[in-house]
PDB file of all heavy atoms in Angstrom:
ATOM      1  N   LYS A   1     175.156  74.895  86.620  1.00  0.00           N
ATOM      2  CA  LYS A   1     174.213  76.081  86.606  1.00  0.00           C
ATOM      3  C   LYS A   1     173.231  75.981  85.385  1.00  0.00           C
ATOM      4  O   LYS A   1     172.144  76.317  85.438  1.00  0.00           O
ATOM      5  CB  LYS A   1     174.993  77.392  86.548  1.00  0.00           C
ATOM      6  CG  LYS A   1     175.679  77.571  87.892  1.00  0.00           C
ATOM      7  CD  LYS A   1     174.701  78.076  88.899  1.00  0.00           C
ATOM      8  CE  LYS A   1     175.501  78.470  90.188  1.00  0.00           C
ATOM      9  NZ  LYS A   1     174.671  78.520  91.390  1.00  0.00           N
ATOM     10  N   SER A   2     173.884  75.437  84.219  1.00  0.00           N
ATOM     11  CA  SER A   2     172.931  75.327  83.074  1.00  0.00           C
ATOM     12  C   SER A   2     171.762  74.430  83.224  1.00  0.00           C
ATOM     13  O   SER A   2     170.787  74.629  82.449  1.00  0.00           O
ATOM     14  CB  SER A   2     173.725  74.848  81.895  1.00  0.00           C
ATOM     15  OG  SER A   2     174.367  73.642  82.090  1.00  0.00           O
ATOM     16  N   LEU A   3     171.841  73.573  84.242  1.00  0.00           N
ATOM     17  CA  LEU A   3     170.749  72.632  84.534  1.00  0.00           C
ATOM     18  C   LEU A   3     169.918  73.012  85.751  1.00  0.00           C
ATOM     19  O   LEU A   3     169.121  72.257  86.295  1.00  0.00           O
ATOM     20  CB  LEU A   3     171.249  71.223  84.713  1.00  0.00           C
ATOM     21  CG  LEU A   3     171.879  70.518  83.457  1.00  0.00           C
ATOM     22  CD1 LEU A   3     172.469  69.179  83.819  1.00  0.00           C
ATOM     23  CD2 LEU A   3     170.986  70.453  82.253  1.00  0.00           C
ATOM     24  N   ALA A   4     170.134  74.269  86.234  1.00  0.00           N
ATOM     25  CA  ALA A   4     169.548  74.736  87.465  1.00  0.00           C
ATOM     26  C   ALA A   4     168.705  76.011  87.282  1.00  0.00           C
ATOM     27  O   ALA A   4     168.419  76.660  88.279  1.00  0.00           O
ATOM     28  CB  ALA A   4     170.592  74.886  88.523  1.00  0.00           C
ATOM     29  N   SER A   5     168.357  76.214  86.094  1.00  0.00           N
ATOM     30  CA  SER A   5     167.511  77.443  85.880  1.00  0.00           C
ATOM     31  C   SER A   5     165.967  77.130  85.941  1.00  0.00           C
ATOM     32  O   SER A   5     165.841  75.902  85.859  1.00  0.00           O
ATOM     33  CB  SER A   5     167.870  78.201  84.538  1.00  0.00           C
ATOM     34  OG  SER A   5     167.428  77.434  83.454  1.00  0.00           O
ATOM     35  N   GLY A   6     165.247  78.160  86.004  1.00  0.00           N
ATOM     36  CA  GLY A   6     163.781  77.855  86.021  1.00  0.00           C
ATOM     37  C   GLY A   6     163.251  77.183  84.854  1.00  0.00           C
ATOM     38  O   GLY A   6     162.204  76.617  84.817  1.00  0.00           O
ATOM     39  N   ASN A   7     163.905  77.341  83.667  1.00  0.00           N
ATOM     40  CA  ASN A   7     163.385  76.741  82.432  1.00  0.00           C
ATOM     41  C   ASN A   7     164.181  75.548  81.935  1.00  0.00           C
ATOM     42  O   ASN A   7     163.977  75.157  80.785  1.00  0.00           O
ATOM     43  CB  ASN A   7     163.361  77.908  81.346  1.00  0.00           C
ATOM     44  CG  ASN A   7     164.659  78.501  81.136  1.00  0.00           C
ATOM     45  OD1 ASN A   7     165.703  78.029  81.565  1.00  0.00           O
ATOM     46  ND2 ASN A   7     164.707  79.527  80.197  1.00  0.00           N
ATOM     47  N   SER A   8     165.043  75.010  82.820  1.00  0.00           N
ATOM     48  CA  SER A   8     165.802  73.780  82.423  1.00  0.00           C
ATOM     49  C   SER A   8     164.732  72.631  82.719  1.00  0.00           C
ATOM     50  O   SER A   8     164.337  72.333  83.806  1.00  0.00           O
ATOM     51  CB  SER A   8     167.030  73.587  83.375  1.00  0.00           C
ATOM     52  OG  SER A   8     167.893  74.692  83.217  1.00  0.00           O
ATOM     53  N   PRO A   9     164.644  71.770  81.666  1.00  0.00           N
ATOM     54  CA  PRO A   9     163.902  70.584  81.826  1.00  0.00           C
ATOM     55  C   PRO A   9     164.519  69.589  82.890  1.00  0.00           C
ATOM     56  O   PRO A   9     165.579  69.364  82.760  1.00  0.00           O
ATOM     57  CB  PRO A   9     163.759  69.965  80.477  1.00  0.00           C
ATOM     58  CG  PRO A   9     164.187  70.983  79.500  1.00  0.00           C
ATOM     59  CD  PRO A   9     165.081  71.977  80.326  1.00  0.00           C
ATOM     60  N   GLU A  10     163.654  69.201  83.885  1.00  0.00           N
ATOM     61  CA  GLU A  10     164.199  68.284  84.874  1.00  0.00           C
ATOM     62  C   GLU A  10     164.697  67.002  84.247  1.00  0.00           C
ATOM     63  O   GLU A  10     165.786  66.416  84.899  1.00  0.00           O
ATOM     64  CB  GLU A  10     163.100  67.939  85.862  1.00  0.00           C
ATOM     65  CG  GLU A  10     163.636  67.164  87.116  1.00  0.00           C
ATOM     66  CD  GLU A  10     162.758  67.076  88.262  1.00  0.00           C
ATOM     67  OE1 GLU A  10     161.634  67.595  88.191  1.00  0.00           O
ATOM     68  OE2 GLU A  10     163.202  66.414  89.245  1.00  0.00           O
ATOM     69  N   ILE A  11     164.218  66.496  83.064  1.00  0.00           N
ATOM     70  CA  ILE A  11     164.818  65.310  82.607  1.00  0.00           C
ATOM     71  C   ILE A  11     166.309  65.424  82.123  1.00  0.00           C
ATOM     72  O   ILE A  11     167.068  64.535  82.322  1.00  0.00           O
ATOM     73  CB  ILE A  11     164.039  64.940  81.284  1.00  0.00           C
ATOM     74  CG1 ILE A  11     164.374  63.562  80.723  1.00  0.00           C
ATOM     75  CG2 ILE A  11     164.199  65.990  80.172  1.00  0.00           C
ATOM     76  CD1 ILE A  11     163.881  62.440  81.522  1.00  0.00           C
ATOM     77  N   LEU A  12     166.744  66.611  81.925  1.00  0.00           N
ATOM     78  CA  LEU A  12     168.175  66.915  81.593  1.00  0.00           C
ATOM     79  C   LEU A  12     169.020  66.667  82.950  1.00  0.00           C
ATOM     80  O   LEU A  12     170.139  66.156  82.897  1.00  0.00           O
ATOM     81  CB  LEU A  12     168.374  68.284  80.947  1.00  0.00           C
ATOM     82  CG  LEU A  12     167.806  68.448  79.672  1.00  0.00           C
ATOM     83  CD1 LEU A  12     168.144  69.779  79.093  1.00  0.00           C
ATOM     84  CD2 LEU A  12     168.216  67.265  78.615  1.00  0.00           C
ATOM     85  N   SER A  13     168.385  67.103  84.019  1.00  0.00           N
ATOM     86  CA  SER A  13     169.129  66.939  85.398  1.00  0.00           C
ATOM     87  C   SER A  13     169.213  65.372  85.677  1.00  0.00           C
ATOM     88  O   SER A  13     170.066  64.918  86.287  1.00  0.00           O
ATOM     89  CB  SER A  13     168.428  67.733  86.455  1.00  0.00           C
ATOM     90  OG  SER A  13     168.550  69.021  86.170  1.00  0.00           O
ATOM     91  N   TRP A  14     168.121  64.745  85.399  1.00  0.00           N
ATOM     92  CA  TRP A  14     168.021  63.263  85.564  1.00  0.00           C
ATOM     93  C   TRP A  14     169.066  62.523  84.712  1.00  0.00           C
ATOM     94  O   TRP A  14     169.871  61.826  85.332  1.00  0.00           O
ATOM     95  CB  TRP A  14     166.644  62.720  85.152  1.00  0.00           C
ATOM     96  CG  TRP A  14     165.475  63.037  86.043  1.00  0.00           C
ATOM     97  CD1 TRP A  14     165.506  63.925  87.035  1.00  0.00           C
ATOM     98  CD2 TRP A  14     164.151  62.483  85.998  1.00  0.00           C
ATOM     99  NE1 TRP A  14     164.223  64.032  87.622  1.00  0.00           N
ATOM    100  CE2 TRP A  14     163.466  63.118  86.900  1.00  0.00           C
ATOM    101  CE3 TRP A  14     163.617  61.511  85.121  1.00  0.00           C
ATOM    102  CZ2 TRP A  14     162.097  62.829  87.195  1.00  0.00           C
ATOM    103  CZ3 TRP A  14     162.379  61.204  85.424  1.00  0.00           C
ATOM    104  CH2 TRP A  14     161.534  61.885  86.428  1.00  0.00           C
ATOM    105  N   LYS A  15     169.265  62.905  83.559  1.00  0.00           N
ATOM    106  CA  LYS A  15     170.218  62.465  82.607  1.00  0.00           C
ATOM    107  C   LYS A  15     171.645  62.647  83.182  1.00  0.00           C
ATOM    108  O   LYS A  15     172.502  61.862  83.167  1.00  0.00           O
ATOM    109  CB  LYS A  15     170.145  62.802  81.282  1.00  0.00           C
ATOM    110  CG  LYS A  15     168.921  62.369  80.456  1.00  0.00           C
ATOM    111  CD  LYS A  15     168.799  62.919  79.092  1.00  0.00           C
ATOM    112  CE  LYS A  15     167.641  62.348  78.339  1.00  0.00           C
ATOM    113  NZ  LYS A  15     167.517  62.685  77.032  1.00  0.00           N
ATOM    114  N   HIS A  16     171.899  63.894  83.677  1.00  0.00           N
ATOM    115  CA  HIS A  16     173.112  64.307  84.178  1.00  0.00           C
ATOM    116  C   HIS A  16     173.539  63.427  85.474  1.00  0.00           C
ATOM    117  O   HIS A  16     174.588  62.980  85.559  1.00  0.00           O
ATOM    118  CB  HIS A  16     173.064  65.723  84.621  1.00  0.00           C
ATOM    119  CG  HIS A  16     174.414  66.272  85.319  1.00  0.00           C
ATOM    120  ND1 HIS A  16     174.449  66.326  86.778  1.00  0.00           N
ATOM    121  CD2 HIS A  16     175.617  66.646  84.776  1.00  0.00           C
ATOM    122  CE1 HIS A  16     175.643  66.758  86.979  1.00  0.00           C
ATOM    123  NE2 HIS A  16     176.371  66.913  85.845  1.00  0.00           N
ATOM    124  N   ALA A  17     172.535  63.151  86.309  1.00  0.00           N
ATOM    125  CA  ALA A  17     172.720  62.316  87.491  1.00  0.00           C
ATOM    126  C   ALA A  17     172.982  60.908  87.031  1.00  0.00           C
ATOM    127  O   ALA A  17     173.882  60.277  87.624  1.00  0.00           O
ATOM    128  CB  ALA A  17     171.362  62.365  88.299  1.00  0.00           C
ATOM    129  N   ILE A  18     172.310  60.263  86.061  1.00  0.00           N
ATOM    130  CA  ILE A  18     172.566  58.915  85.652  1.00  0.00           C
ATOM    131  C   ILE A  18     173.950  58.946  85.013  1.00  0.00           C
ATOM    132  O   ILE A  18     174.699  57.869  85.369  1.00  0.00           O
ATOM    133  CB  ILE A  18     171.433  58.515  84.643  1.00  0.00           C
ATOM    134  CG1 ILE A  18     170.085  58.403  85.313  1.00  0.00           C
ATOM    135  CG2 ILE A  18     171.914  57.255  83.865  1.00  0.00           C
ATOM    136  CD1 ILE A  18     168.927  58.223  84.375  1.00  0.00           C
ATOM    137  N   ASN A  19     174.359  59.884  84.292  1.00  0.00           N
ATOM    138  CA  ASN A  19     175.653  59.789  83.765  1.00  0.00           C
ATOM    139  C   ASN A  19     176.786  59.956  84.766  1.00  0.00           C
ATOM    140  O   ASN A  19     177.824  59.362  84.753  1.00  0.00           O
ATOM    141  CB  ASN A  19     175.868  60.958  82.656  1.00  0.00           C
ATOM    142  CG  ASN A  19     175.028  60.553  81.382  1.00  0.00           C
ATOM    143  OD1 ASN A  19     174.907  59.405  80.991  1.00  0.00           O
ATOM    144  ND2 ASN A  19     174.588  61.588  80.613  1.00  0.00           N
ATOM    145  N   PHE A  20     176.495  60.728  85.859  1.00  0.00           N
ATOM    146  CA  PHE A  20     177.391  60.884  86.916  1.00  0.00           C
ATOM    147  C   PHE A  20     177.667  59.592  87.657  1.00  0.00           C
ATOM    148  O   PHE A  20     178.789  59.152  87.824  1.00  0.00           O
ATOM    149  CB  PHE A  20     176.746  61.879  88.008  1.00  0.00           C
ATOM    150  CG  PHE A  20     177.604  61.981  89.262  1.00  0.00           C
ATOM    151  CD1 PHE A  20     178.587  62.975  89.328  1.00  0.00           C
ATOM    152  CD2 PHE A  20     177.353  61.260  90.343  1.00  0.00           C
ATOM    153  CE1 PHE A  20     179.350  63.168  90.322  1.00  0.00           C
ATOM    154  CE2 PHE A  20     178.073  61.477  91.548  1.00  0.00           C
ATOM    155  CZ  PHE A  20     179.139  62.329  91.456  1.00  0.00           C
ATOM    156  N   LEU A  21     176.601  58.770  87.855  1.00  0.00           N
ATOM    157  CA  LEU A  21     176.711  57.329  88.358  1.00  0.00           C
ATOM    158  C   LEU A  21     177.392  56.513  87.498  1.00  0.00           C
ATOM    159  O   LEU A  21     178.347  55.753  87.845  1.00  0.00           O
ATOM    160  CB  LEU A  21     175.349  56.918  88.820  1.00  0.00           C
ATOM    161  CG  LEU A  21     175.045  57.106  90.209  1.00  0.00           C
ATOM    162  CD1 LEU A  21     174.850  58.667  90.664  1.00  0.00           C
ATOM    163  CD2 LEU A  21     173.857  56.413  90.724  1.00  0.00           C
ATOM    164  N   LYS A  22     177.129  56.598  86.145  1.00  0.00           N
ATOM    165  CA  LYS A  22     177.791  55.684  85.158  1.00  0.00           C
ATOM    166  C   LYS A  22     179.313  56.004  85.093  1.00  0.00           C
ATOM    167  O   LYS A  22     180.093  55.029  85.018  1.00  0.00           O
ATOM    168  CB  LYS A  22     177.186  55.914  83.715  1.00  0.00           C
ATOM    169  CG  LYS A  22     175.941  55.221  83.459  1.00  0.00           C
ATOM    170  CD  LYS A  22     175.462  55.376  81.987  1.00  0.00           C
ATOM    171  CE  LYS A  22     174.174  54.707  81.820  1.00  0.00           C
ATOM    172  NZ  LYS A  22     173.769  54.884  80.475  1.00  0.00           N
ATOM    173  N   ASP A  23     179.650  57.257  85.109  1.00  0.00           N
ATOM    174  CA  ASP A  23     181.113  57.538  85.145  1.00  0.00           C
ATOM    175  C   ASP A  23     181.850  57.037  86.368  1.00  0.00           C
ATOM    176  O   ASP A  23     183.096  56.943  86.268  1.00  0.00           O
ATOM    177  CB  ASP A  23     181.191  59.181  85.085  1.00  0.00           C
ATOM    178  CG  ASP A  23     180.873  59.705  83.836  1.00  0.00           C
ATOM    179  OD1 ASP A  23     180.738  58.925  82.753  1.00  0.00           O
ATOM    180  OD2 ASP A  23     180.755  61.018  83.676  1.00  0.00           O
ATOM    181  N   LYS A  24     181.109  56.837  87.465  1.00  0.00           N
ATOM    182  CA  LYS A  24     181.718  56.275  88.713  1.00  0.00           C
ATOM    183  C   LYS A  24     181.546  54.788  88.674  1.00  0.00           C
ATOM    184  O   LYS A  24     181.808  54.123  89.694  1.00  0.00           O
ATOM    185  CB  LYS A  24     181.169  56.928  89.909  1.00  0.00           C
ATOM    186  CG  LYS A  24     181.455  58.361  89.975  1.00  0.00           C
ATOM    187  CD  LYS A  24     181.209  58.961  91.362  1.00  0.00           C
ATOM    188  CE  LYS A  24     181.668  60.335  91.468  1.00  0.00           C
ATOM    189  NZ  LYS A  24     183.145  60.505  91.363  1.00  0.00           N
ATOM    190  N   ASP A  25     180.969  54.135  87.651  1.00  0.00           N
ATOM    191  CA  ASP A  25     180.803  52.710  87.583  1.00  0.00           C
ATOM    192  C   ASP A  25     179.830  52.233  88.679  1.00  0.00           C
ATOM    193  O   ASP A  25     179.960  51.178  89.215  1.00  0.00           O
ATOM    194  CB  ASP A  25     182.144  51.934  87.521  1.00  0.00           C
ATOM    195  CG  ASP A  25     181.980  50.617  86.845  1.00  0.00           C
ATOM    196  OD1 ASP A  25     181.064  50.481  85.989  1.00  0.00           O
ATOM    197  OD2 ASP A  25     182.660  49.676  87.271  1.00  0.00           O
ATOM    198  N   ILE A  26     178.770  53.038  88.835  1.00  0.00           N
ATOM    199  CA  ILE A  26     177.747  52.710  89.855  1.00  0.00           C
ATOM    200  C   ILE A  26     176.583  52.254  89.048  1.00  0.00           C
ATOM    201  O   ILE A  26     175.949  53.176  88.370  1.00  0.00           O
ATOM    202  CB  ILE A  26     177.406  53.855  90.846  1.00  0.00           C
ATOM    203  CG1 ILE A  26     178.627  54.303  91.576  1.00  0.00           C
ATOM    204  CG2 ILE A  26     176.260  53.460  91.730  1.00  0.00           C
ATOM    205  CD1 ILE A  26     178.419  55.577  92.431  1.00  0.00           C
ATOM    206  N   ASN A  27     176.147  51.011  89.218  1.00  0.00           N
ATOM    207  CA  ASN A  27     174.998  50.533  88.485  1.00  0.00           C
ATOM    208  C   ASN A  27     173.772  50.361  89.438  1.00  0.00           C
ATOM    209  O   ASN A  27     173.895  50.238  90.646  1.00  0.00           O
ATOM    210  CB  ASN A  27     175.356  49.081  87.995  1.00  0.00           C
ATOM    211  CG  ASN A  27     176.541  49.228  87.029  1.00  0.00           C
ATOM    212  OD1 ASN A  27     176.524  49.961  86.086  1.00  0.00           O
ATOM    213  ND2 ASN A  27     177.602  48.493  87.265  1.00  0.00           N
ATOM    214  N   PHE A  28     172.643  50.483  88.747  1.00  0.00           N
ATOM    215  CA  PHE A  28     171.377  50.340  89.410  1.00  0.00           C
ATOM    216  C   PHE A  28     170.315  49.942  88.447  1.00  0.00           C
ATOM    217  O   PHE A  28     170.488  50.188  87.251  1.00  0.00           O
ATOM    218  CB  PHE A  28     171.022  51.605  90.185  1.00  0.00           C
ATOM    219  CG  PHE A  28     170.784  52.857  89.376  1.00  0.00           C
ATOM    220  CD1 PHE A  28     169.656  53.226  88.981  1.00  0.00           C
ATOM    221  CD2 PHE A  28     171.927  53.482  89.032  1.00  0.00           C
ATOM    222  CE1 PHE A  28     169.499  54.414  88.163  1.00  0.00           C
ATOM    223  CE2 PHE A  28     171.776  54.774  88.186  1.00  0.00           C
ATOM    224  CZ  PHE A  28     170.584  55.174  87.864  1.00  0.00           C
ATOM    225  N   ARG A  29     169.213  49.455  88.933  1.00  0.00           N
ATOM    226  CA  ARG A  29     168.146  49.073  87.923  1.00  0.00           C
ATOM    227  C   ARG A  29     166.936  50.052  88.084  1.00  0.00           C
ATOM    228  O   ARG A  29     166.116  50.116  87.164  1.00  0.00           O
ATOM    229  CB  ARG A  29     167.656  47.627  88.252  1.00  0.00           C
ATOM    230  CG  ARG A  29     168.635  46.562  87.979  1.00  0.00           C
ATOM    231  CD  ARG A  29     168.112  45.220  88.147  1.00  0.00           C
ATOM    232  NE  ARG A  29     166.750  45.074  87.547  1.00  0.00           N
ATOM    233  CZ  ARG A  29     166.468  44.331  86.561  1.00  0.00           C
ATOM    234  NH1 ARG A  29     167.300  43.751  85.891  1.00  0.00           N
ATOM    235  NH2 ARG A  29     165.280  44.326  86.178  1.00  0.00           N
ATOM    236  N   ILE A  30     166.660  50.592  89.279  1.00  0.00           N
ATOM    237  CA  ILE A  30     165.536  51.412  89.527  1.00  0.00           C
ATOM    238  C   ILE A  30     166.033  52.844  89.878  1.00  0.00           C
ATOM    239  O   ILE A  30     166.716  52.972  90.870  1.00  0.00           O
ATOM    240  CB  ILE A  30     164.580  50.765  90.418  1.00  0.00           C
ATOM    241  CG1 ILE A  30     164.058  49.541  89.991  1.00  0.00           C
ATOM    242  CG2 ILE A  30     163.379  51.786  90.828  1.00  0.00           C
ATOM    243  CD1 ILE A  30     163.150  48.680  90.972  1.00  0.00           C
ATOM    244  N   PHE A  31     165.443  53.825  89.272  1.00  0.00           N
ATOM    245  CA  PHE A  31     165.700  55.206  89.544  1.00  0.00           C
ATOM    246  C   PHE A  31     164.515  55.857  90.116  1.00  0.00           C
ATOM    247  O   PHE A  31     163.395  55.752  89.641  1.00  0.00           O
ATOM    248  CB  PHE A  31     165.876  55.940  88.079  1.00  0.00           C
ATOM    249  CG  PHE A  31     166.019  57.410  88.076  1.00  0.00           C
ATOM    250  CD1 PHE A  31     167.196  58.028  87.905  1.00  0.00           C
ATOM    251  CD2 PHE A  31     164.921  58.211  88.293  1.00  0.00           C
ATOM    252  CE1 PHE A  31     167.329  59.417  87.958  1.00  0.00           C
ATOM    253  CE2 PHE A  31     164.870  59.643  88.224  1.00  0.00           C
ATOM    254  CZ  PHE A  31     166.184  60.243  88.130  1.00  0.00           C
ATOM    255  N   VAL A  32     164.660  56.320  91.382  1.00  0.00           N
ATOM    256  CA  VAL A  32     163.500  56.918  92.041  1.00  0.00           C
ATOM    257  C   VAL A  32     163.821  58.311  92.361  1.00  0.00           C
ATOM    258  O   VAL A  32     164.942  58.782  92.780  1.00  0.00           O
ATOM    259  CB  VAL A  32     163.321  56.272  93.450  1.00  0.00           C
ATOM    260  CG1 VAL A  32     162.198  56.976  94.219  1.00  0.00           C
ATOM    261  CG2 VAL A  32     162.955  54.787  93.179  1.00  0.00           C
ATOM    262  N   SER A  33     162.958  59.351  91.931  1.00  0.00           N
ATOM    263  CA  SER A  33     163.137  60.680  92.162  1.00  0.00           C
ATOM    264  C   SER A  33     162.163  61.144  93.254  1.00  0.00           C
ATOM    265  O   SER A  33     160.911  60.843  93.050  1.00  0.00           O
ATOM    266  CB  SER A  33     162.859  61.592  90.887  1.00  0.00           C
ATOM    267  OG  SER A  33     162.890  62.915  91.201  1.00  0.00           O
ATOM    268  N   LEU A  34     162.689  61.739  94.339  1.00  0.00           N
ATOM    269  CA  LEU A  34     161.855  62.195  95.462  1.00  0.00           C
ATOM    270  C   LEU A  34     161.845  63.731  95.450  1.00  0.00           C
ATOM    271  O   LEU A  34     162.781  64.338  95.935  1.00  0.00           O
ATOM    272  CB  LEU A  34     162.332  61.596  96.893  1.00  0.00           C
ATOM    273  CG  LEU A  34     162.152  60.118  97.126  1.00  0.00           C
ATOM    274  CD1 LEU A  34     162.615  59.771  98.418  1.00  0.00           C
ATOM    275  CD2 LEU A  34     160.761  59.655  96.828  1.00  0.00           C
ATOM    276  N   PRO A  35     160.878  64.342  95.003  1.00  0.00           N
ATOM    277  CA  PRO A  35     160.718  65.947  95.118  1.00  0.00           C
ATOM    278  C   PRO A  35     160.757  66.282  96.507  1.00  0.00           C
ATOM    279  O   PRO A  35     160.203  65.715  97.395  1.00  0.00           O
ATOM    280  CB  PRO A  35     159.495  66.214  94.396  1.00  0.00           C
ATOM    281  CG  PRO A  35     159.099  64.973  93.587  1.00  0.00           C
ATOM    282  CD  PRO A  35     159.602  63.780  94.347  1.00  0.00           C
ATOM    283  N   THR A  36     161.413  67.425  96.811  1.00  0.00           N
ATOM    284  CA  THR A  36     161.449  67.950  98.101  1.00  0.00           C
ATOM    285  C   THR A  36     160.096  68.551  98.536  1.00  0.00           C
ATOM    286  O   THR A  36     159.770  68.748  99.728  1.00  0.00           O
ATOM    287  CB  THR A  36     162.522  69.081  98.249  1.00  0.00           C
ATOM    288  OG1 THR A  36     162.140  70.145  97.275  1.00  0.00           O
ATOM    289  CG2 THR A  36     163.854  68.516  97.942  1.00  0.00           C
TER     290      THR A  36
END
């Protein structure tokens, strides 16, 4: 929830997502964000 408020910088959500994949040992070279 702390990353889902109207004033949460999206970059922090990006970092959270990257760390989520790192924790699962999922590697990638290119990060693509597709806004809804």
